[in-house]
Amino acid sequence: MPADPAEEPTAPHDPSSPPTSDGPAPRDDWFSHTLPRTLLYAYTWVDDGLQNYMRAHAAFALPRAQSMLMVCIGDGVHRQSEMAKILKVSKQAIRQGIRELEQKGLVEIVADPDNQRSRLVQFTEEGRSIRETARRGIFEVEKQLEQRIGADNVRRLQQILEAGWGAAPDFRDSPDP
């Protein structure tokens, strides 16, 4: 058993298998046929593949929360308050994750050149190197997906998920069904 539970690989639940007392509900459960469930399992599959690649090629993997912070920084989000908004978590959770990434030598906190009272998070040289390894890992995970479901399906999936969805629905003024 890995020392860090975050390193434990997860596998999507096989909906045709019977439920366990602590496992997912059986196939006839309404949630097993919903898009959010499918998206969650798809995300987990991709992230598990990336974590496996990182263990094989960088000799370590990050917990999902820290991995998501690395994605934010790689996307050009350097303010912790913005990361909290994007990831929909507390600023305290972001600070804790950044502190852990800093202890691992992957990020550093620097003064904002435009506002000396503000602080920005950026990659260290080691963090940039790990990001490059992760980039290669994502390409390898995508190749694996193409082999399993076909390149055309992967392209269609990418196009569908990148379509302009707009803001999340706001149901405050809608009547109950």
N, C-alpha and C. Protein backbone atom coordinates (compact mmCIF):
# COMPACT_ATOMS: atom_id res chain seq x y z
N MET A 1 0.85 -1.19 0.00
CA MET A 1 0.00 0.00 0.00
C MET A 1 0.89 1.24 0.00
N PRO A 2 0.62 2.24 -0.90
CA PRO A 2 1.44 3.44 -0.93
C PRO A 2 1.34 4.21 0.38
N ALA A 3 2.42 4.89 0.73
CA ALA A 3 2.44 5.68 1.96
C ALA A 3 1.46 6.84 1.86
N ASP A 4 1.31 7.42 0.69
CA ASP A 4 0.43 8.56 0.47
C ASP A 4 -0.84 8.06 -0.22
N PRO A 5 -2.03 8.21 0.42
CA PRO A 5 -3.25 7.74 -0.21
C PRO A 5 -3.50 8.39 -1.56
N ALA A 6 -2.96 9.59 -1.79
CA ALA A 6 -3.13 10.25 -3.07
C ALA A 6 -2.43 9.49 -4.18
N GLU A 7 -1.43 8.66 -3.83
CA GLU A 7 -0.71 7.90 -4.83
C GLU A 7 -1.43 6.62 -5.20
N GLU A 8 -2.46 6.27 -4.45
CA GLU A 8 -3.18 5.04 -4.71
C GLU A 8 -3.99 5.19 -5.99
N PRO A 9 -3.77 4.32 -6.98
CA PRO A 9 -4.54 4.46 -8.21
C PRO A 9 -6.00 4.15 -7.97
N THR A 10 -6.86 4.84 -8.68
CA THR A 10 -8.28 4.57 -8.59
C THR A 10 -8.75 4.09 -9.95
N ALA A 11 -9.76 3.30 -9.93
CA ALA A 11 -10.33 2.81 -11.18
C ALA A 11 -11.81 3.17 -11.20
N PRO A 12 -12.30 3.54 -12.36
CA PRO A 12 -13.73 3.82 -12.43
C PRO A 12 -14.52 2.58 -12.03
N HIS A 13 -15.65 2.80 -11.41
CA HIS A 13 -16.53 1.71 -11.00
C HIS A 13 -17.10 1.05 -12.24
N ASP A 14 -17.09 -0.26 -12.26
CA ASP A 14 -17.72 -1.01 -13.34
C ASP A 14 -19.21 -1.07 -13.03
N PRO A 15 -20.04 -0.33 -13.79
CA PRO A 15 -21.45 -0.25 -13.46
C PRO A 15 -22.17 -1.59 -13.53
N SER A 16 -21.59 -2.59 -14.20
CA SER A 16 -22.26 -3.88 -14.30
C SER A 16 -21.96 -4.77 -13.09
N SER A 17 -21.03 -4.35 -12.24
CA SER A 17 -20.69 -5.17 -11.07
C SER A 17 -21.59 -4.80 -9.90
N PRO A 18 -21.83 -5.76 -9.00
CA PRO A 18 -22.69 -5.47 -7.85
C PRO A 18 -22.01 -4.47 -6.91
N PRO A 19 -22.81 -3.68 -6.20
CA PRO A 19 -22.23 -2.69 -5.30
C PRO A 19 -21.61 -3.35 -4.08
N THR A 20 -20.68 -2.64 -3.48
CA THR A 20 -20.13 -3.07 -2.20
C THR A 20 -20.71 -2.15 -1.15
N SER A 21 -20.53 -2.51 0.11
CA SER A 21 -21.13 -1.70 1.17
C SER A 21 -20.58 -0.28 1.19
N ASP A 22 -19.34 -0.10 0.74
CA ASP A 22 -18.76 1.24 0.73
C ASP A 22 -18.51 1.73 -0.69
N GLY A 23 -19.00 1.03 -1.68
CA GLY A 23 -18.75 1.38 -3.07
C GLY A 23 -19.92 2.08 -3.71
N PRO A 24 -19.80 2.33 -5.01
CA PRO A 24 -20.85 3.01 -5.74
C PRO A 24 -22.14 2.19 -5.77
N ALA A 25 -23.22 2.86 -6.05
CA ALA A 25 -24.52 2.20 -6.13
C ALA A 25 -24.60 1.33 -7.39
N PRO A 26 -25.55 0.41 -7.44
CA PRO A 26 -25.66 -0.46 -8.61
C PRO A 26 -26.03 0.30 -9.87
N ARG A 27 -25.91 -0.39 -11.00
CA ARG A 27 -26.12 0.21 -12.31
C ARG A 27 -27.49 0.87 -12.44
N ASP A 28 -28.53 0.34 -11.82
CA ASP A 28 -29.85 0.91 -12.01
C ASP A 28 -30.07 2.19 -11.19
N ASP A 29 -29.08 2.58 -10.42
CA ASP A 29 -29.16 3.85 -9.70
C ASP A 29 -29.22 4.97 -10.72
N TRP A 30 -30.09 5.94 -10.53
CA TRP A 30 -30.27 7.02 -11.50
C TRP A 30 -28.98 7.76 -11.80
N PHE A 31 -28.10 7.91 -10.80
CA PHE A 31 -26.88 8.71 -11.00
C PHE A 31 -25.89 8.02 -11.92
N SER A 32 -25.95 6.69 -12.03
CA SER A 32 -24.97 5.99 -12.85
C SER A 32 -25.15 6.27 -14.33
N HIS A 33 -26.24 6.91 -14.71
CA HIS A 33 -26.49 7.21 -16.13
C HIS A 33 -26.42 8.70 -16.41
N THR A 34 -25.80 9.47 -15.56
CA THR A 34 -25.78 10.91 -15.76
C THR A 34 -24.45 11.40 -16.30
N LEU A 35 -24.50 12.53 -16.98
CA LEU A 35 -23.30 13.14 -17.53
C LEU A 35 -22.30 13.52 -16.44
N PRO A 36 -22.71 14.13 -15.31
CA PRO A 36 -21.72 14.47 -14.29
C PRO A 36 -20.92 13.26 -13.80
N ARG A 37 -21.57 12.13 -13.63
CA ARG A 37 -20.87 10.91 -13.20
C ARG A 37 -19.85 10.50 -14.24
N THR A 38 -20.27 10.52 -15.51
CA THR A 38 -19.37 10.12 -16.59
C THR A 38 -18.18 11.07 -16.68
N LEU A 39 -18.43 12.37 -16.55
CA LEU A 39 -17.34 13.35 -16.60
C LEU A 39 -16.39 13.15 -15.42
N LEU A 40 -16.92 12.85 -14.25
CA LEU A 40 -16.08 12.62 -13.07
C LEU A 40 -15.17 11.42 -13.30
N TYR A 41 -15.73 10.31 -13.78
CA TYR A 41 -14.91 9.13 -14.03
C TYR A 41 -13.89 9.38 -15.14
N ALA A 42 -14.27 10.14 -16.16
CA ALA A 42 -13.33 10.45 -17.24
C ALA A 42 -12.17 11.29 -16.70
N TYR A 43 -12.49 12.29 -15.89
CA TYR A 43 -11.43 13.12 -15.30
C TYR A 43 -10.50 12.26 -14.44
N THR A 44 -11.09 11.38 -13.64
CA THR A 44 -10.29 10.52 -12.77
C THR A 44 -9.39 9.61 -13.60
N TRP A 45 -9.90 9.07 -14.70
CA TRP A 45 -9.10 8.20 -15.58
C TRP A 45 -7.89 8.96 -16.13
N VAL A 46 -8.13 10.17 -16.62
CA VAL A 46 -7.05 10.98 -17.18
C VAL A 46 -6.04 11.34 -16.09
N ASP A 47 -6.52 11.78 -14.93
CA ASP A 47 -5.61 12.17 -13.86
C ASP A 47 -4.82 10.97 -13.34
N ASP A 48 -5.46 9.82 -13.21
CA ASP A 48 -4.73 8.62 -12.79
C ASP A 48 -3.64 8.27 -13.79
N GLY A 49 -3.96 8.36 -15.08
CA GLY A 49 -2.95 8.10 -16.11
C GLY A 49 -1.79 9.06 -16.01
N LEU A 50 -2.09 10.34 -15.79
CA LEU A 50 -1.03 11.34 -15.64
C LEU A 50 -0.20 11.05 -14.40
N GLN A 51 -0.85 10.73 -13.29
CA GLN A 51 -0.10 10.45 -12.06
C GLN A 51 0.80 9.23 -12.24
N ASN A 52 0.30 8.21 -12.95
CA ASN A 52 1.12 7.02 -13.22
C ASN A 52 2.32 7.39 -14.08
N TYR A 53 2.11 8.25 -15.07
CA TYR A 53 3.21 8.70 -15.93
C TYR A 53 4.24 9.46 -15.09
N MET A 54 3.76 10.34 -14.21
CA MET A 54 4.67 11.14 -13.38
C MET A 54 5.48 10.24 -12.45
N ARG A 55 4.85 9.23 -11.87
CA ARG A 55 5.61 8.31 -11.01
C ARG A 55 6.68 7.59 -11.82
N ALA A 56 6.37 7.23 -13.06
CA ALA A 56 7.31 6.49 -13.89
C ALA A 56 8.43 7.37 -14.44
N HIS A 57 8.14 8.66 -14.71
CA HIS A 57 9.12 9.51 -15.40
C HIS A 57 9.67 10.66 -14.55
N ALA A 58 9.05 10.94 -13.42
CA ALA A 58 9.56 12.01 -12.55
C ALA A 58 9.80 11.50 -11.14
N ALA A 59 9.53 10.23 -10.91
CA ALA A 59 9.75 9.56 -9.63
C ALA A 59 8.85 10.08 -8.51
N PHE A 60 7.80 10.81 -8.85
CA PHE A 60 6.80 11.18 -7.85
C PHE A 60 5.54 11.68 -8.55
N ALA A 61 4.48 11.76 -7.79
CA ALA A 61 3.22 12.31 -8.29
C ALA A 61 2.67 13.25 -7.23
N LEU A 62 1.82 14.14 -7.65
CA LEU A 62 1.21 15.10 -6.73
C LEU A 62 -0.22 14.69 -6.42
N PRO A 63 -0.70 15.00 -5.23
CA PRO A 63 -2.12 14.82 -4.96
C PRO A 63 -2.93 15.68 -5.93
N ARG A 64 -4.16 15.29 -6.20
CA ARG A 64 -4.98 16.01 -7.19
C ARG A 64 -5.08 17.50 -6.89
N ALA A 65 -5.24 17.86 -5.64
CA ALA A 65 -5.39 19.29 -5.30
C ALA A 65 -4.15 20.07 -5.71
N GLN A 66 -2.97 19.53 -5.45
CA GLN A 66 -1.74 20.22 -5.84
C GLN A 66 -1.57 20.21 -7.36
N SER A 67 -1.98 19.13 -7.98
CA SER A 67 -1.92 19.03 -9.44
C SER A 67 -2.77 20.13 -10.08
N MET A 68 -3.95 20.38 -9.51
CA MET A 68 -4.83 21.42 -10.04
C MET A 68 -4.22 22.81 -9.85
N LEU A 69 -3.50 23.02 -8.77
CA LEU A 69 -2.81 24.30 -8.58
C LEU A 69 -1.72 24.48 -9.64
N MET A 70 -1.01 23.40 -9.95
CA MET A 70 0.02 23.46 -10.99
C MET A 70 -0.61 23.80 -12.35
N VAL A 71 -1.81 23.27 -12.61
CA VAL A 71 -2.51 23.59 -13.85
C VAL A 71 -2.84 25.08 -13.89
N CYS A 72 -3.35 25.61 -12.78
CA CYS A 72 -3.68 27.04 -12.72
C CYS A 72 -2.45 27.90 -13.02
N ILE A 73 -1.36 27.60 -12.37
CA ILE A 73 -0.13 28.39 -12.57
C ILE A 73 0.32 28.27 -14.02
N GLY A 74 0.27 27.06 -14.56
CA GLY A 74 0.64 26.85 -15.96
C GLY A 74 -0.26 27.60 -16.92
N ASP A 75 -1.51 27.83 -16.52
CA ASP A 75 -2.45 28.59 -17.35
C ASP A 75 -2.30 30.10 -17.15
N GLY A 76 -1.33 30.51 -16.36
CA GLY A 76 -1.09 31.94 -16.18
C GLY A 76 -1.83 32.57 -15.01
N VAL A 77 -2.41 31.76 -14.14
CA VAL A 77 -3.09 32.27 -12.95
C VAL A 77 -2.07 32.26 -11.82
N HIS A 78 -1.68 33.45 -11.36
CA HIS A 78 -0.61 33.55 -10.37
C HIS A 78 -1.07 34.09 -9.02
N ARG A 79 -2.30 34.58 -8.95
CA ARG A 79 -2.83 35.09 -7.68
C ARG A 79 -3.62 33.99 -6.98
N GLN A 80 -3.34 33.82 -5.70
CA GLN A 80 -4.01 32.76 -4.95
C GLN A 80 -5.51 33.00 -4.87
N SER A 81 -5.95 34.24 -4.80
CA SER A 81 -7.38 34.53 -4.74
C SER A 81 -8.08 34.09 -6.03
N GLU A 82 -7.42 34.25 -7.17
CA GLU A 82 -7.99 33.81 -8.45
C GLU A 82 -8.04 32.29 -8.51
N MET A 83 -7.01 31.63 -7.99
CA MET A 83 -7.01 30.16 -7.97
C MET A 83 -8.20 29.66 -7.15
N ALA A 84 -8.48 30.31 -6.02
CA ALA A 84 -9.60 29.90 -5.17
C ALA A 84 -10.92 30.04 -5.93
N LYS A 85 -11.07 31.12 -6.69
CA LYS A 85 -12.30 31.31 -7.48
C LYS A 85 -12.44 30.25 -8.56
N ILE A 86 -11.36 30.00 -9.27
CA ILE A 86 -11.39 29.02 -10.37
C ILE A 86 -11.69 27.62 -9.85
N LEU A 87 -11.01 27.23 -8.78
CA LEU A 87 -11.14 25.87 -8.26
C LEU A 87 -12.31 25.72 -7.29
N LYS A 88 -12.97 26.84 -6.95
CA LYS A 88 -14.13 26.81 -6.05
C LYS A 88 -13.78 26.20 -4.70
N VAL A 89 -12.65 26.64 -4.15
CA VAL A 89 -12.23 26.20 -2.82
C VAL A 89 -11.85 27.43 -2.01
N SER A 90 -11.64 27.25 -0.74
CA SER A 90 -11.31 28.38 0.13
C SER A 90 -9.90 28.89 -0.14
N LYS A 91 -9.68 30.14 0.21
CA LYS A 91 -8.34 30.71 0.09
C LYS A 91 -7.37 29.98 1.02
N GLN A 92 -7.87 29.51 2.16
CA GLN A 92 -7.03 28.77 3.09
C GLN A 92 -6.54 27.47 2.44
N ALA A 93 -7.43 26.79 1.72
CA ALA A 93 -7.04 25.54 1.04
C ALA A 93 -5.98 25.83 -0.02
N ILE A 94 -6.13 26.94 -0.72
CA ILE A 94 -5.14 27.32 -1.74
C ILE A 94 -3.81 27.61 -1.06
N ARG A 95 -3.83 28.39 0.02
CA ARG A 95 -2.58 28.71 0.72
C ARG A 95 -1.87 27.45 1.19
N GLN A 96 -2.63 26.49 1.72
CA GLN A 96 -2.04 25.24 2.19
C GLN A 96 -1.41 24.48 1.02
N GLY A 97 -2.12 24.37 -0.09
CA GLY A 97 -1.58 23.67 -1.26
C GLY A 97 -0.34 24.35 -1.81
N ILE A 98 -0.36 25.67 -1.87
CA ILE A 98 0.81 26.41 -2.37
C ILE A 98 1.99 26.22 -1.42
N ARG A 99 1.71 26.25 -0.12
CA ARG A 99 2.78 26.04 0.87
C ARG A 99 3.43 24.66 0.65
N GLU A 100 2.62 23.65 0.41
CA GLU A 100 3.15 22.30 0.18
C GLU A 100 3.95 22.23 -1.12
N LEU A 101 3.47 22.89 -2.17
CA LEU A 101 4.23 22.92 -3.43
C LEU A 101 5.54 23.68 -3.25
N GLU A 102 5.50 24.72 -2.42
CA GLU A 102 6.71 25.50 -2.13
C GLU A 102 7.72 24.64 -1.37
N GLN A 103 7.25 23.86 -0.41
CA GLN A 103 8.14 22.97 0.35
C GLN A 103 8.77 21.91 -0.54
N LYS A 104 8.07 21.52 -1.59
CA LYS A 104 8.60 20.55 -2.55
C LYS A 104 9.53 21.19 -3.57
N GLY A 105 9.65 22.52 -3.51
CA GLY A 105 10.55 23.23 -4.42
C GLY A 105 9.98 23.44 -5.81
N LEU A 106 8.66 23.34 -5.97
CA LEU A 106 8.05 23.46 -7.29
C LEU A 106 7.55 24.87 -7.61
N VAL A 107 7.23 25.64 -6.58
CA VAL A 107 6.76 27.01 -6.78
C VAL A 107 7.46 27.93 -5.79
N GLU A 108 7.39 29.21 -6.10
CA GLU A 108 7.88 30.23 -5.17
C GLU A 108 6.89 31.38 -5.17
N ILE A 109 6.85 32.08 -4.06
CA ILE A 109 5.98 33.24 -3.93
C ILE A 109 6.86 34.47 -4.04
N VAL A 110 6.48 35.36 -4.96
CA VAL A 110 7.28 36.55 -5.23
C VAL A 110 6.39 37.79 -5.16
N ALA A 111 7.02 38.94 -4.99
CA ALA A 111 6.28 40.20 -4.98
C ALA A 111 5.76 40.49 -6.38
N ASP A 112 4.57 41.06 -6.45
CA ASP A 112 3.99 41.48 -7.72
C ASP A 112 4.72 42.75 -8.16
N PRO A 113 5.34 42.75 -9.33
CA PRO A 113 6.08 43.94 -9.76
C PRO A 113 5.19 45.17 -9.95
N ASP A 114 3.88 44.95 -10.15
CA ASP A 114 2.95 46.07 -10.34
C ASP A 114 2.33 46.54 -9.03
N ASN A 115 2.43 45.74 -7.98
CA ASN A 115 1.84 46.09 -6.70
C ASN A 115 2.64 45.37 -5.61
N GLN A 116 3.57 46.04 -4.99
CA GLN A 116 4.48 45.42 -4.02
C GLN A 116 3.77 44.82 -2.81
N ARG A 117 2.51 45.21 -2.56
CA ARG A 117 1.77 44.61 -1.45
C ARG A 117 1.19 43.25 -1.82
N SER A 118 1.10 42.97 -3.11
CA SER A 118 0.54 41.69 -3.56
C SER A 118 1.64 40.67 -3.80
N ARG A 119 1.27 39.41 -3.70
CA ARG A 119 2.22 38.31 -3.91
C ARG A 119 1.70 37.45 -5.06
N LEU A 120 2.63 36.92 -5.84
CA LEU A 120 2.31 36.05 -6.97
C LEU A 120 2.98 34.70 -6.77
N VAL A 121 2.38 33.67 -7.33
CA VAL A 121 2.95 32.32 -7.29
C VAL A 121 3.48 32.01 -8.68
N GLN A 122 4.71 31.53 -8.73
CA GLN A 122 5.29 31.15 -10.02
C GLN A 122 6.09 29.87 -9.86
N PHE A 123 6.33 29.20 -10.99
CA PHE A 123 7.13 27.98 -10.97
C PHE A 123 8.59 28.29 -10.67
N THR A 124 9.23 27.39 -9.96
CA THR A 124 10.69 27.41 -9.84
C THR A 124 11.21 26.68 -11.08
N GLU A 125 12.51 26.61 -11.21
CA GLU A 125 13.10 25.85 -12.32
C GLU A 125 12.66 24.39 -12.25
N GLU A 126 12.66 23.82 -11.05
CA GLU A 126 12.20 22.44 -10.86
C GLU A 126 10.73 22.30 -11.23
N GLY A 127 9.93 23.29 -10.85
CA GLY A 127 8.50 23.27 -11.19
C GLY A 127 8.28 23.31 -12.70
N ARG A 128 9.07 24.12 -13.41
CA ARG A 128 8.96 24.17 -14.87
C ARG A 128 9.34 22.83 -15.48
N SER A 129 10.35 22.19 -14.92
CA SER A 129 10.77 20.88 -15.41
C SER A 129 9.67 19.84 -15.19
N ILE A 130 9.06 19.86 -14.01
CA ILE A 130 7.97 18.93 -13.71
C ILE A 130 6.78 19.21 -14.62
N ARG A 131 6.50 20.48 -14.87
CA ARG A 131 5.40 20.84 -15.77
C ARG A 131 5.65 20.28 -17.16
N GLU A 132 6.87 20.34 -17.64
CA GLU A 132 7.20 19.80 -18.96
C GLU A 132 7.01 18.29 -18.98
N THR A 133 7.41 17.62 -17.91
CA THR A 133 7.19 16.17 -17.82
C THR A 133 5.69 15.88 -17.83
N ALA A 134 4.92 16.67 -17.10
CA ALA A 134 3.47 16.48 -17.07
C ALA A 134 2.86 16.73 -18.45
N ARG A 135 3.36 17.72 -19.17
CA ARG A 135 2.87 17.99 -20.53
C ARG A 135 3.06 16.77 -21.42
N ARG A 136 4.25 16.18 -21.35
CA ARG A 136 4.50 14.96 -22.13
C ARG A 136 3.57 13.83 -21.67
N GLY A 137 3.33 13.76 -20.37
CA GLY A 137 2.44 12.74 -19.84
C GLY A 137 1.02 12.87 -20.35
N ILE A 138 0.53 14.11 -20.42
CA ILE A 138 -0.81 14.34 -20.95
C ILE A 138 -0.91 13.86 -22.40
N PHE A 139 0.11 14.17 -23.20
CA PHE A 139 0.10 13.70 -24.59
C PHE A 139 0.07 12.17 -24.65
N GLU A 140 0.81 11.52 -23.75
CA GLU A 140 0.82 10.05 -23.73
C GLU A 140 -0.54 9.50 -23.29
N VAL A 141 -1.18 10.15 -22.32
CA VAL A 141 -2.51 9.71 -21.89
C VAL A 141 -3.50 9.87 -23.05
N GLU A 142 -3.41 11.00 -23.77
CA GLU A 142 -4.29 11.20 -24.91
C GLU A 142 -4.05 10.15 -25.99
N LYS A 143 -2.79 9.78 -26.22
CA LYS A 143 -2.50 8.72 -27.19
C LYS A 143 -3.15 7.40 -26.77
N GLN A 144 -3.06 7.10 -25.48
CA GLN A 144 -3.70 5.88 -24.97
C GLN A 144 -5.21 5.92 -25.20
N LEU A 145 -5.81 7.08 -24.95
CA LEU A 145 -7.25 7.23 -25.15
C LEU A 145 -7.60 7.04 -26.63
N GLU A 146 -6.79 7.62 -27.52
CA GLU A 146 -7.02 7.44 -28.96
C GLU A 146 -6.96 5.97 -29.34
N GLN A 147 -6.02 5.23 -28.77
CA GLN A 147 -5.92 3.81 -29.07
C GLN A 147 -7.15 3.05 -28.58
N ARG A 148 -7.74 3.52 -27.51
CA ARG A 148 -8.88 2.80 -26.93
C ARG A 148 -10.21 3.17 -27.57
N ILE A 149 -10.42 4.46 -27.86
CA ILE A 149 -11.73 4.87 -28.39
C ILE A 149 -11.66 5.45 -29.79
N GLY A 150 -10.46 5.62 -30.33
CA GLY A 150 -10.31 6.14 -31.69
C GLY A 150 -10.01 7.63 -31.71
N ALA A 151 -9.16 8.03 -32.65
CA ALA A 151 -8.73 9.43 -32.75
C ALA A 151 -9.91 10.35 -33.07
N ASP A 152 -10.82 9.91 -33.94
CA ASP A 152 -11.97 10.75 -34.28
C ASP A 152 -12.84 11.01 -33.06
N ASN A 153 -13.04 10.00 -32.23
CA ASN A 153 -13.84 10.18 -31.01
C ASN A 153 -13.16 11.13 -30.04
N VAL A 154 -11.84 11.04 -29.93
CA VAL A 154 -11.11 11.95 -29.04
C VAL A 154 -11.25 13.38 -29.55
N ARG A 155 -11.11 13.58 -30.86
CA ARG A 155 -11.26 14.94 -31.42
C ARG A 155 -12.67 15.48 -31.18
N ARG A 156 -13.69 14.64 -31.41
CA ARG A 156 -15.08 15.07 -31.17
C ARG A 156 -15.30 15.41 -29.70
N LEU A 157 -14.78 14.57 -28.83
CA LEU A 157 -14.91 14.82 -27.39
C LEU A 157 -14.29 16.16 -27.02
N GLN A 158 -13.10 16.43 -27.53
CA GLN A 158 -12.42 17.70 -27.27
C GLN A 158 -13.27 18.87 -27.76
N GLN A 159 -13.80 18.76 -28.97
CA GLN A 159 -14.62 19.84 -29.54
C GLN A 159 -15.88 20.08 -28.70
N ILE A 160 -16.52 19.01 -28.29
CA ILE A 160 -17.74 19.14 -27.50
C ILE A 160 -17.45 19.79 -26.15
N LEU A 161 -16.39 19.34 -25.49
CA LEU A 161 -16.08 19.88 -24.17
C LEU A 161 -15.57 21.31 -24.23
N GLU A 162 -15.02 21.73 -25.37
CA GLU A 162 -14.55 23.10 -25.52
C GLU A 162 -15.63 24.05 -26.05
N ALA A 163 -16.80 23.53 -26.38
CA ALA A 163 -17.89 24.37 -26.87
C ALA A 163 -18.26 25.40 -25.80
N GLY A 164 -18.74 26.54 -26.22
CA GLY A 164 -19.11 27.59 -25.27
C GLY A 164 -20.34 27.20 -24.47
N TRP A 165 -20.14 26.80 -23.25
CA TRP A 165 -21.25 26.38 -22.40
C TRP A 165 -21.91 27.56 -21.70
N GLY A 166 -21.22 28.69 -21.63
CA GLY A 166 -21.75 29.82 -20.89
C GLY A 166 -21.66 29.58 -19.39
N ALA A 167 -22.26 30.47 -18.66
CA ALA A 167 -22.25 30.36 -17.19
C ALA A 167 -23.10 29.17 -16.76
N ALA A 168 -22.79 28.64 -15.60
CA ALA A 168 -23.57 27.53 -15.04
C ALA A 168 -25.01 27.98 -14.84
N PRO A 169 -25.97 27.09 -15.02
CA PRO A 169 -27.37 27.46 -14.83
C PRO A 169 -27.63 27.99 -13.42
N ASP A 170 -28.48 28.99 -13.34
CA ASP A 170 -28.89 29.56 -12.06
C ASP A 170 -30.37 29.26 -11.89
N PHE A 171 -30.69 28.40 -10.95
CA PHE A 171 -32.06 27.92 -10.79
C PHE A 171 -32.82 28.63 -9.67
N ARG A 172 -32.31 29.74 -9.19
CA ARG A 172 -32.97 30.39 -8.06
C ARG A 172 -34.39 30.83 -8.38
N ASP A 173 -34.64 31.25 -9.62
CA ASP A 173 -35.97 31.75 -9.97
C ASP A 173 -36.83 30.72 -10.70
N SER A 174 -36.35 29.50 -10.83
CA SER A 174 -37.14 28.50 -11.55
C SER A 174 -38.04 27.75 -10.57
N PRO A 175 -39.23 27.38 -11.04
CA PRO A 175 -40.14 26.64 -10.14
C PRO A 175 -39.62 25.23 -9.90
N ASP A 176 -40.01 24.67 -8.77
CA ASP A 176 -39.67 23.28 -8.48
C ASP A 176 -40.40 22.38 -9.47
N PRO A 177 -39.76 21.30 -9.90
CA PRO A 177 -40.43 20.39 -10.85
C PRO A 177 -41.57 19.64 -10.20
